[in-house]
Structure formats: structure tokens, C-alpha cells
């Protein structure tokens, strides 16, 4: 699955947590989720916070 976030912006931890939750659900089904199209600021925020916000759901 590919989530294309072109023209979107990750503003806070709740956005990262939502993406982590979706990714976790796909991984439990043996699927892969790729997030593409993040602008540099959003990519940095996502990398900094992803996996550090609890269970992701």
C-alpha cells in the first residue's frame, strides 16, 4: 500500500501517530505501507517521531 502525501503537511505528533497506526495494521496483515511525497519538514518530523508515540493506535 502506498500513501501519497504530496501537497500535505505533517503538523504534529497526532498525524505521525495516525500513520503509525495504519502502518501497524497493515504489518499485522503481512503487508507493507510506504509513505511518499512528504516535504522536507514533514519527512523530518515523521522520522523524528515515528515509532516513539506508543503503540500507534
Protein backbone atom coordinates (compact mmCIF):
# COMPACT_ATOMS: atom_id res chain seq x y z
CA UNK A 1 0.00 0.00 0.00
CA UNK A 2 1.25 3.49 -0.81
CA UNK A 3 0.06 6.61 0.99
CA UNK A 4 0.89 9.65 -1.14
CA UNK A 5 1.10 12.79 0.99
CA UNK A 6 2.20 15.11 -1.79
CA UNK A 7 0.85 18.61 -1.08
CA UNK A 8 0.20 17.60 2.54
CA UNK A 9 2.00 18.61 5.70
CA UNK A 10 2.53 16.72 8.95
CA UNK A 11 2.00 19.36 11.61
CA UNK A 12 2.16 17.40 14.86
CA UNK A 13 2.54 14.08 16.65
CA UNK A 14 -1.11 13.12 16.10
CA UNK A 15 -0.50 12.92 12.35
CA UNK A 16 2.53 10.71 12.88
CA UNK A 17 0.60 8.54 15.34
CA UNK A 18 -2.20 8.08 12.80
CA UNK A 19 0.27 6.98 10.12
CA UNK A 20 1.98 4.65 12.61
CA UNK A 21 -1.41 3.12 13.44
CA UNK A 22 -2.23 2.48 9.79
CA UNK A 23 1.24 1.04 9.19
CA UNK A 24 0.91 -1.26 12.23
CA UNK A 25 -2.43 -2.60 10.99
CA UNK A 26 -1.01 -3.39 7.57
CA UNK A 27 2.07 -5.03 9.08
CA UNK A 28 -0.14 -7.28 11.23
CA UNK A 29 -1.71 -8.47 7.95
CA UNK A 30 1.73 -9.13 6.48
CA UNK A 31 1.52 -6.08 4.19
CA UNK A 32 3.84 -3.14 3.71
CA UNK A 33 2.87 0.54 3.86
CA UNK A 34 5.01 3.17 2.15
CA UNK A 35 4.52 6.88 2.82
CA UNK A 36 5.67 9.01 -0.12
CA UNK A 37 5.59 12.65 -1.13
CA UNK A 38 6.43 14.26 2.20
CA UNK A 39 8.02 17.69 2.02
CA UNK A 40 11.37 18.01 3.86
CA UNK A 41 9.90 19.45 7.10
CA UNK A 42 7.20 16.77 7.27
CA UNK A 43 9.67 13.99 6.47
CA UNK A 44 11.94 15.19 9.27
CA UNK A 45 9.05 15.34 11.75
CA UNK A 46 7.81 11.90 10.68
CA UNK A 47 11.30 10.38 11.04
CA UNK A 48 11.83 12.03 14.43
CA UNK A 49 8.53 10.86 15.94
CA UNK A 50 7.60 7.66 14.12
CA UNK A 51 7.71 4.63 16.39
CA UNK A 52 8.12 6.78 19.52
CA UNK A 53 4.48 7.53 20.25
CA UNK A 54 3.29 4.32 21.90
CA UNK A 55 1.53 1.50 20.14
CA UNK A 56 0.40 3.59 17.18
CA UNK A 57 -3.34 3.06 17.67
